[in-house]
C-alpha atoms as a PDB file:
ATOM      1  CA  UNK A   1      63.006 125.062 143.419  1.00  0.00           C
ATOM      2  CA  UNK A   2      65.301 126.572 140.734  1.00  0.00           C
ATOM      3  CA  UNK A   3      68.311 125.807 142.916  1.00  0.00           C
ATOM      4  CA  UNK A   4      67.291 122.163 143.294  1.00  0.00           C
ATOM      5  CA  UNK A   5      66.782 121.648 139.532  1.00  0.00           C
ATOM      6  CA  UNK A   6      70.078 123.057 138.279  1.00  0.00           C
ATOM      7  CA  UNK A   7      72.259 120.155 139.536  1.00  0.00           C
ATOM      8  CA  UNK A   8      70.114 117.676 137.587  1.00  0.00           C
ATOM      9  CA  UNK A   9      70.565 119.640 134.373  1.00  0.00           C
ATOM     10  CA  UNK A  10      74.318 119.673 134.928  1.00  0.00           C
ATOM     11  CA  UNK A  11      74.449 115.946 135.607  1.00  0.00           C
ATOM     12  CA  UNK A  12      72.859 114.921 132.318  1.00  0.00           C
ATOM     13  CA  UNK A  13      75.740 116.036 130.025  1.00  0.00           C
ATOM     14  CA  UNK A  14      78.259 114.532 132.423  1.00  0.00           C
ATOM     15  CA  UNK A  15      76.508 111.170 132.215  1.00  0.00           C
ATOM     16  CA  UNK A  16      76.511 111.066 128.418  1.00  0.00           C
ATOM     17  CA  UNK A  17      80.188 110.046 128.024  1.00  0.00           C
ATOM     18  CA  UNK A  18      79.617 107.234 130.519  1.00  0.00           C
ATOM     19  CA  UNK A  19      76.661 105.990 128.475  1.00  0.00           C
ATOM     20  CA  UNK A  20      78.732 106.039 125.277  1.00  0.00           C
ATOM     21  CA  UNK A  21      81.574 104.206 126.995  1.00  0.00           C
ATOM     22  CA  UNK A  22      79.100 101.605 128.216  1.00  0.00           C
ATOM     23  CA  UNK A  23      77.650 101.120 124.734  1.00  0.00           C
ATOM     24  CA  UNK A  24      81.150 100.863 123.241  1.00  0.00           C
ATOM     25  CA  UNK A  25      82.100  98.262 125.849  1.00  0.00           C
ATOM     26  CA  UNK A  26      79.030  96.171 125.037  1.00  0.00           C
ATOM     27  CA  UNK A  27      79.741  96.482 121.302  1.00  0.00           C
ATOM     28  CA  UNK A  28      83.345  95.407 121.883  1.00  0.00           C
ATOM     29  CA  UNK A  29      82.223  92.368 123.869  1.00  0.00           C
ATOM     30  CA  UNK A  30      79.802  91.344 121.114  1.00  0.00           C
ATOM     31  CA  UNK A  31      82.380  91.852 118.356  1.00  0.00           C
ATOM     32  CA  UNK A  32      85.016  89.883 120.288  1.00  0.00           C
ATOM     33  CA  UNK A  33      82.619  86.944 120.666  1.00  0.00           C
ATOM     34  CA  UNK A  34      81.720  86.697 116.976  1.00  0.00           C
ATOM     35  CA  UNK A  35      83.838  84.530 114.631  1.00  0.00           C
ATOM     36  CA  UNK A  36      85.979  86.197 111.975  1.00  0.00           C
ATOM     37  CA  UNK A  37      83.934  84.551 109.202  1.00  0.00           C
ATOM     38  CA  UNK A  38      81.088  87.009 109.943  1.00  0.00           C
ATOM     39  CA  UNK A  39      83.185  89.609 108.076  1.00  0.00           C
ATOM     40  CA  UNK A  40      82.336  87.865 104.780  1.00  0.00           C
ATOM     41  CA  UNK A  41      78.763  89.188 105.045  1.00  0.00           C
ATOM     42  CA  UNK A  42      79.962  92.801 104.866  1.00  0.00           C
ATOM     43  CA  UNK A  43      82.166  92.436 101.777  1.00  0.00           C
ATOM     44  CA  UNK A  44      81.157  93.873  98.371  1.00  0.00           C
ATOM     45  CA  UNK A  45      80.094  91.287  95.739  1.00  0.00           C
ATOM     46  CA  UNK A  46      83.406  91.338  93.859  1.00  0.00           C
ATOM     47  CA  UNK A  47      85.399  90.382  96.985  1.00  0.00           C
ATOM     48  CA  UNK A  48      85.479  86.813  98.316  1.00  0.00           C
ATOM     49  CA  UNK A  49      87.290  85.884 101.543  1.00  0.00           C
ATOM     50  CA  UNK A  50      88.039  82.390 102.848  1.00  0.00           C
ATOM     51  CA  UNK A  51      90.145  80.512 105.408  1.00  0.00           C
ATOM     52  CA  UNK A  52      89.115  82.659 108.381  1.00  0.00           C
ATOM     53  CA  UNK A  53      90.640  82.525 111.851  1.00  0.00           C
ATOM     54  CA  UNK A  54      90.249  84.543 115.056  1.00  0.00           C
ATOM     55  CA  UNK A  55      87.309  86.762 115.931  1.00  0.00           C
ATOM     56  CA  UNK A  56      85.490  89.576 114.201  1.00  0.00           C
ATOM     57  CA  UNK A  57      87.410  91.978 116.451  1.00  0.00           C
ATOM     58  CA  UNK A  58      90.870  90.581 115.694  1.00  0.00           C
ATOM     59  CA  UNK A  59      90.898  88.065 112.882  1.00  0.00           C
ATOM     60  CA  UNK A  60      92.294  87.147 109.508  1.00  0.00           C
ATOM     61  CA  UNK A  61      91.330  85.744 106.113  1.00  0.00           C
ATOM     62  CA  UNK A  62      94.002  83.529 104.605  1.00  0.00           C
ATOM     63  CA  UNK A  63      92.690  83.812 101.049  1.00  0.00           C
ATOM     64  CA  UNK A  64      91.059  86.807  99.343  1.00  0.00           C
ATOM     65  CA  UNK A  65      90.035  87.149  95.713  1.00  0.00           C
ATOM     66  CA  UNK A  66      88.866  90.299  93.920  1.00  0.00           C
ATOM     67  CA  UNK A  67      86.935  89.712  90.702  1.00  0.00           C
ATOM     68  CA  UNK A  68      88.341  86.194  90.704  1.00  0.00           C
ATOM     69  CA  UNK A  69      91.963  87.379  91.069  1.00  0.00           C
ATOM     70  CA  UNK A  70      94.195  86.314  93.920  1.00  0.00           C
ATOM     71  CA  UNK A  71      94.481  89.278  96.321  1.00  0.00           C
ATOM     72  CA  UNK A  72      96.556  87.677  99.078  1.00  0.00           C
ATOM     73  CA  UNK A  73      95.659  87.478 102.771  1.00  0.00           C
ATOM     74  CA  UNK A  74      94.436  90.011 105.312  1.00  0.00           C
ATOM     75  CA  UNK A  75      94.624  90.465 109.073  1.00  0.00           C
ATOM     76  CA  UNK A  76      92.562  93.102 110.871  1.00  0.00           C
ATOM     77  CA  UNK A  77      91.927  94.628 114.277  1.00  0.00           C
ATOM     78  CA  UNK A  78      88.656  96.536 114.624  1.00  0.00           C
ATOM     79  CA  UNK A  79      87.967  99.724 116.568  1.00  0.00           C
ATOM     80  CA  UNK A  80      84.521  99.027 118.105  1.00  0.00           C
ATOM     81  CA  UNK A  81      83.802 102.708 118.891  1.00  0.00           C
ATOM     82  CA  UNK A  82      83.350 103.393 115.158  1.00  0.00           C
ATOM     83  CA  UNK A  83      80.365 101.035 115.136  1.00  0.00           C
ATOM     84  CA  UNK A  84      78.403 103.708 117.004  1.00  0.00           C
ATOM     85  CA  UNK A  85      78.544 105.826 113.856  1.00  0.00           C
ATOM     86  CA  UNK A  86      77.492 102.927 111.586  1.00  0.00           C
ATOM     87  CA  UNK A  87      81.018 102.707 110.136  1.00  0.00           C
ATOM     88  CA  UNK A  88      83.833 100.191 110.250  1.00  0.00           C
ATOM     89  CA  UNK A  89      87.289 101.279 111.433  1.00  0.00           C
ATOM     90  CA  UNK A  90      90.271  98.934 111.595  1.00  0.00           C
ATOM     91  CA  UNK A  91      94.026  98.512 111.404  1.00  0.00           C
ATOM     92  CA  UNK A  92      94.906  96.258 108.460  1.00  0.00           C
ATOM     93  CA  UNK A  93      97.890  94.049 107.634  1.00  0.00           C
ATOM     94  CA  UNK A  94      97.784  92.833 104.015  1.00  0.00           C
ATOM     95  CA  UNK A  95     100.177  90.271 102.523  1.00  0.00           C
ATOM     96  CA  UNK A  96     100.518  88.928  98.996  1.00  0.00           C
ATOM     97  CA  UNK A  97     103.542  86.640  98.784  1.00  0.00           C
ATOM     98  CA  UNK A  98     106.379  89.061  99.697  1.00  0.00           C
ATOM     99  CA  UNK A  99     104.420  92.304  99.311  1.00  0.00           C
ATOM    100  CA  UNK A 100     103.207  93.705 102.651  1.00  0.00           C
ATOM    101  CA  UNK A 101     101.052  96.755 103.439  1.00  0.00           C
ATOM    102  CA  UNK A 102      99.922  98.166 106.804  1.00  0.00           C
ATOM    103  CA  UNK A 103      97.185 100.792 106.995  1.00  0.00           C
ATOM    104  CA  UNK A 104      94.392 102.287 109.063  1.00  0.00           C
ATOM    105  CA  UNK A 105      91.057 102.311 107.244  1.00  0.00           C
ATOM    106  CA  UNK A 106      87.486 103.448 107.764  1.00  0.00           C
ATOM    107  CA  UNK A 107      84.676 101.925 105.699  1.00  0.00           C
ATOM    108  CA  UNK A 108      81.062 102.991 105.283  1.00  0.00           C
ATOM    109  CA  UNK A 109      78.368 102.583 102.652  1.00  0.00           C
ATOM    110  CA  UNK A 110      79.968 105.169 100.344  1.00  0.00           C
ATOM    111  CA  UNK A 111      83.407 103.560 100.254  1.00  0.00           C
ATOM    112  CA  UNK A 112      86.658 103.686 102.199  1.00  0.00           C
ATOM    113  CA  UNK A 113      89.168 106.197 103.551  1.00  0.00           C
ATOM    114  CA  UNK A 114      92.634 104.928 104.522  1.00  0.00           C
ATOM    115  CA  UNK A 115      95.643 106.690 106.027  1.00  0.00           C
ATOM    116  CA  UNK A 116      99.192 105.871 107.163  1.00  0.00           C
ATOM    117  CA  UNK A 117      99.583 103.358 104.343  1.00  0.00           C
ATOM    118  CA  UNK A 118     103.098 101.948 104.475  1.00  0.00           C
ATOM    119  CA  UNK A 119     104.916  98.894 103.165  1.00  0.00           C
ATOM    120  CA  UNK A 120     106.139  97.410  99.918  1.00  0.00           C
ATOM    121  CA  UNK A 121     107.893  94.461  98.343  1.00  0.00           C
ATOM    122  CA  UNK A 122     108.576  92.872  94.939  1.00  0.00           C
ATOM    123  CA  UNK A 123     106.232  94.256  92.299  1.00  0.00           C
ATOM    124  CA  UNK A 124     106.152  90.889  90.518  1.00  0.00           C
ATOM    125  CA  UNK A 125     104.140  89.590  93.482  1.00  0.00           C
ATOM    126  CA  UNK A 126     101.307  91.907  92.375  1.00  0.00           C
ATOM    127  CA  UNK A 127     100.704  90.125  89.083  1.00  0.00           C
ATOM    128  CA  UNK A 128      97.001  89.814  88.503  1.00  0.00           C
ATOM    129  CA  UNK A 129      96.373  93.063  90.389  1.00  0.00           C
ATOM    130  CA  UNK A 130      97.537  95.458  87.691  1.00  0.00           C
ATOM    131  CA  UNK A 131     101.249  94.635  87.245  1.00  0.00           C
ATOM    132  CA  UNK A 132     101.913  93.050  83.869  1.00  0.00           C
ATOM    133  CA  UNK A 133     103.878  89.824  83.561  1.00  0.00           C
ATOM    134  CA  UNK A 134     107.579  90.257  82.902  1.00  0.00           C
ATOM    135  CA  UNK A 135     108.077  93.337  85.080  1.00  0.00           C
ATOM    136  CA  UNK A 136     110.389  93.169  88.098  1.00  0.00           C
ATOM    137  CA  UNK A 137     111.481  95.599  90.796  1.00  0.00           C
ATOM    138  CA  UNK A 138     110.905  96.620  94.373  1.00  0.00           C
ATOM    139  CA  UNK A 139     108.223  99.089  95.513  1.00  0.00           C
ATOM    140  CA  UNK A 140     108.176 101.262  98.636  1.00  0.00           C
ATOM    141  CA  UNK A 141     104.730 102.664  99.496  1.00  0.00           C
ATOM    142  CA  UNK A 142     104.185 105.765 101.667  1.00  0.00           C
ATOM    143  CA  UNK A 143     100.680 107.160 101.244  1.00  0.00           C
ATOM    144  CA  UNK A 144      99.326 109.639 103.765  1.00  0.00           C
ATOM    145  CA  UNK A 145      95.773 109.124 102.533  1.00  0.00           C
ATOM    146  CA  UNK A 146      93.782 107.096 100.016  1.00  0.00           C
ATOM    147  CA  UNK A 147      90.062 107.448  99.424  1.00  0.00           C
ATOM    148  CA  UNK A 148      87.740 105.638  97.074  1.00  0.00           C
ATOM    149  CA  UNK A 149      84.713 103.499  96.402  1.00  0.00           C
ATOM    150  CA  UNK A 150      84.840  99.729  96.521  1.00  0.00           C
ATOM    151  CA  UNK A 151      85.776  99.612  92.839  1.00  0.00           C
ATOM    152  CA  UNK A 152      88.056 102.611  92.192  1.00  0.00           C
ATOM    153  CA  UNK A 153      90.314 105.195  93.867  1.00  0.00           C
ATOM    154  CA  UNK A 154      89.064 108.786  94.138  1.00  0.00           C
ATOM    155  CA  UNK A 155      91.851 110.683  95.928  1.00  0.00           C
ATOM    156  CA  UNK A 156      95.396 110.022  97.102  1.00  0.00           C
ATOM    157  CA  UNK A 157      98.296 111.812  98.786  1.00  0.00           C
ATOM    158  CA  UNK A 158     101.828 110.499  99.173  1.00  0.00           C
ATOM    159  CA  UNK A 159     104.236 108.613  96.958  1.00  0.00           C
ATOM    160  CA  UNK A 160     105.194 105.187  95.628  1.00  0.00           C
ATOM    161  CA  UNK A 161     108.860 104.565  94.836  1.00  0.00           C
ATOM    162  CA  UNK A 162     110.076 101.748  92.604  1.00  0.00           C
ATOM    163  CA  UNK A 163     113.713 100.679  92.400  1.00  0.00           C
ATOM    164  CA  UNK A 164     115.626  98.298  90.116  1.00  0.00           C
ATOM    165  CA  UNK A 165     112.779  98.308  87.611  1.00  0.00           C
ATOM    166  CA  UNK A 166     113.208  95.907  84.705  1.00  0.00           C
ATOM    167  CA  UNK A 167     111.099  94.176  82.086  1.00  0.00           C
ATOM    168  CA  UNK A 168     111.997  91.345  79.749  1.00  0.00           C
ATOM    169  CA  UNK A 169     110.439  93.210  76.818  1.00  0.00           C
ATOM    170  CA  UNK A 170     112.399  96.444  77.395  1.00  0.00           C
ATOM    171  CA  UNK A 171     116.082  96.629  76.381  1.00  0.00           C
ATOM    172  CA  UNK A 172     116.683  92.913  76.985  1.00  0.00           C
ATOM    173  CA  UNK A 173     115.697  93.216  80.644  1.00  0.00           C
ATOM    174  CA  UNK A 174     118.362  95.737  81.745  1.00  0.00           C
ATOM    175  CA  UNK A 175     117.957  97.589  85.042  1.00  0.00           C
ATOM    176  CA  UNK A 176     115.996 100.755  84.231  1.00  0.00           C
ATOM    177  CA  UNK A 177     116.711 102.423  87.583  1.00  0.00           C
ATOM    178  CA  UNK A 178     114.270 103.927  90.056  1.00  0.00           C
ATOM    179  CA  UNK A 179     111.090 106.007  89.771  1.00  0.00           C
ATOM    180  CA  UNK A 180     108.863 108.056  92.055  1.00  0.00           C
ATOM    181  CA  UNK A 181     105.095 108.316  91.563  1.00  0.00           C
ATOM    182  CA  UNK A 182     103.857 111.220  93.680  1.00  0.00           C
ATOM    183  CA  UNK A 183     100.212 112.019  94.412  1.00  0.00           C
ATOM    184  CA  UNK A 184      99.907 115.629  95.516  1.00  0.00           C
ATOM    185  CA  UNK A 185      96.544 116.857  94.295  1.00  0.00           C
ATOM    186  CA  UNK A 186      92.936 116.339  95.293  1.00  0.00           C
ATOM    187  CA  UNK A 187      90.700 115.038  92.500  1.00  0.00           C
ATOM    188  CA  UNK A 188      89.491 117.569  89.959  1.00  0.00           C
ATOM    189  CA  UNK A 189      85.835 118.509  89.621  1.00  0.00           C
ATOM    190  CA  UNK A 190      85.373 115.804  86.969  1.00  0.00           C
ATOM    191  CA  UNK A 191      86.835 113.149  89.287  1.00  0.00           C
ATOM    192  CA  UNK A 192      90.239 112.974  87.599  1.00  0.00           C
ATOM    193  CA  UNK A 193      93.099 111.903  89.885  1.00  0.00           C
ATOM    194  CA  UNK A 194      96.589 113.165  88.984  1.00  0.00           C
ATOM    195  CA  UNK A 195     100.139 112.115  89.844  1.00  0.00           C
ATOM    196  CA  UNK A 196     103.660 113.083  88.825  1.00  0.00           C
ATOM    197  CA  UNK A 197     106.167 110.479  87.639  1.00  0.00           C
ATOM    198  CA  UNK A 198     109.926 111.105  87.670  1.00  0.00           C
ATOM    199  CA  UNK A 199     113.018 108.944  87.654  1.00  0.00           C
ATOM    200  CA  UNK A 200     115.303 108.782  90.697  1.00  0.00           C
ATOM    201  CA  UNK A 201     118.402 107.762  88.769  1.00  0.00           C
ATOM    202  CA  UNK A 202     119.340 105.182  86.180  1.00  0.00           C
ATOM    203  CA  UNK A 203     119.859 104.983  82.422  1.00  0.00           C
ATOM    204  CA  UNK A 204     116.488 106.522  81.556  1.00  0.00           C
ATOM    205  CA  UNK A 205     115.414 110.083  82.293  1.00  0.00           C
ATOM    206  CA  UNK A 206     111.635 110.356  82.723  1.00  0.00           C
ATOM    207  CA  UNK A 207     109.337 113.317  83.407  1.00  0.00           C
ATOM    208  CA  UNK A 208     105.620 112.628  83.081  1.00  0.00           C
ATOM    209  CA  UNK A 209     102.145 113.226  84.456  1.00  0.00           C
ATOM    210  CA  UNK A 210      99.508 110.548  84.938  1.00  0.00           C
ATOM    211  CA  UNK A 211      95.798 111.337  84.972  1.00  0.00           C
ATOM    212  CA  UNK A 212      93.260 108.733  86.059  1.00  0.00           C
ATOM    213  CA  UNK A 213      89.568 109.118  85.239  1.00  0.00           C
ATOM    214  CA  UNK A 214      87.361 107.274  87.708  1.00  0.00           C
ATOM    215  CA  UNK A 215      84.378 107.723  85.383  1.00  0.00           C
ATOM    216  CA  UNK A 216      86.101 106.191  82.361  1.00  0.00           C
ATOM    217  CA  UNK A 217      88.369 103.898  84.428  1.00  0.00           C
ATOM    218  CA  UNK A 218      91.286 104.819  82.177  1.00  0.00           C
ATOM    219  CA  UNK A 219      94.670 106.401  82.825  1.00  0.00           C
ATOM    220  CA  UNK A 220      96.780 108.536  80.505  1.00  0.00           C
ATOM    221  CA  UNK A 221     100.524 109.111  80.759  1.00  0.00           C
ATOM    222  CA  UNK A 222     101.990 112.177  79.071  1.00  0.00           C
ATOM    223  CA  UNK A 223     105.625 113.227  79.284  1.00  0.00           C
ATOM    224  CA  UNK A 224     109.103 112.755  77.901  1.00  0.00           C
ATOM    225  CA  UNK A 225     111.904 110.182  78.049  1.00  0.00           C
ATOM    226  CA  UNK A 226     115.593 110.456  77.221  1.00  0.00           C
ATOM    227  CA  UNK A 227     118.554 108.125  77.558  1.00  0.00           C
ATOM    228  CA  UNK A 228     121.446 109.127  79.770  1.00  0.00           C
ATOM    229  CA  UNK A 229     125.066 108.951  78.537  1.00  0.00           C
ATOM    230  CA  UNK A 230     125.684 105.664  80.368  1.00  0.00           C
ATOM    231  CA  UNK A 231     122.562 103.948  78.982  1.00  0.00           C
ATOM    232  CA  UNK A 232     123.156 100.384  77.712  1.00  0.00           C
ATOM    233  CA  UNK A 233     123.162  99.885  73.910  1.00  0.00           C
ATOM    234  CA  UNK A 234     119.925  97.871  73.931  1.00  0.00           C
ATOM    235  CA  UNK A 235     118.034 100.750  75.553  1.00  0.00           C
ATOM    236  CA  UNK A 236     119.617 103.341  73.268  1.00  0.00           C
ATOM    237  CA  UNK A 237     118.572 101.298  70.241  1.00  0.00           C
ATOM    238  CA  UNK A 238     114.942 101.096  71.369  1.00  0.00           C
ATOM    239  CA  UNK A 239     114.802 104.827  72.078  1.00  0.00           C
ATOM    240  CA  UNK A 240     116.264 105.591  68.672  1.00  0.00           C
ATOM    241  CA  UNK A 241     113.491 103.548  67.071  1.00  0.00           C
ATOM    242  CA  UNK A 242     110.939 105.432  69.157  1.00  0.00           C
ATOM    243  CA  UNK A 243     112.414 108.809  68.215  1.00  0.00           C
ATOM    244  CA  UNK A 244     111.942 108.004  64.522  1.00  0.00           C
ATOM    245  CA  UNK A 245     108.213 107.784  65.185  1.00  0.00           C
ATOM    246  CA  UNK A 246     107.804 110.587  67.729  1.00  0.00           C
ATOM    247  CA  UNK A 247     110.773 112.878  67.101  1.00  0.00           C
ATOM    248  CA  UNK A 248     112.844 114.731  69.735  1.00  0.00           C
ATOM    249  CA  UNK A 249     112.680 118.224  71.188  1.00  0.00           C
ATOM    250  CA  UNK A 250     115.640 120.624  71.377  1.00  0.00           C
ATOM    251  CA  UNK A 251     116.885 118.910  74.536  1.00  0.00           C
ATOM    252  CA  UNK A 252     116.784 115.487  72.916  1.00  0.00           C
ATOM    253  CA  UNK A 253     113.703 114.349  74.825  1.00  0.00           C
ATOM    254  CA  UNK A 254     111.151 112.057  73.175  1.00  0.00           C
ATOM    255  CA  UNK A 255     107.443 112.792  73.800  1.00  0.00           C
ATOM    256  CA  UNK A 256     105.407 109.870  75.101  1.00  0.00           C
ATOM    257  CA  UNK A 257     101.626 109.544  75.346  1.00  0.00           C
ATOM    258  CA  UNK A 258     100.029 106.355  76.548  1.00  0.00           C
ATOM    259  CA  UNK A 259      96.503 105.382  77.521  1.00  0.00           C
ATOM    260  CA  UNK A 260      95.599 102.245  79.441  1.00  0.00           C
ATOM    261  CA  UNK A 261      92.553 100.893  81.191  1.00  0.00           C
ATOM    262  CA  UNK A 262      92.536 100.002  84.893  1.00  0.00           C
END
């Protein structure tokens, strides 16, 4: 009798992967049959999606708004196996005019976790999503990971590079060069997210740290700026005016402290 029972015990674990594969196959068939518009039912209240095409498995929304602001268009391809764990996993392709981002993301009731976030484009195409009017340049995004709730980021790793940055209100719109915003730290115990900002060449030398408080939804920038010898006269003049208010250190750097709400 013991010898006859042991094969049955061994067969049960071996059958479990087959059962999971079967369930995943059924889930995939159901997801593939549903229209893409079903995705609207799973969006948080501040997000509205329209102009759907395709299926829930592989579909797109041609128009997305977040808090009433134009947030471009989105294409997705789901991974049905994640549905077994009551989560949503997908590869995303997001476009807003000429700005394009590709990423892999997992979403559950607590929020989202994305990785392999790559892309970029003109920063002026992000007006209404945090980029002020009048600013121009090109951004290159390489984030290894980004985690957050549906309303705010909580952790990030990687960097965002901006080149040929210019603004009509700064030094008559001259090219201010390039800058690198690098996220290297996990959030602090109080939820503060930190990043380092440095220039990558150009007329303005910048060294600063940015701290974002998810609780207060505010960001602070603290650091120094200094013109380089080849800086255009308009930029030099503005920095001289700033130095009269803030002073300079022994190296000629001007301290800068800014706070803004996101």
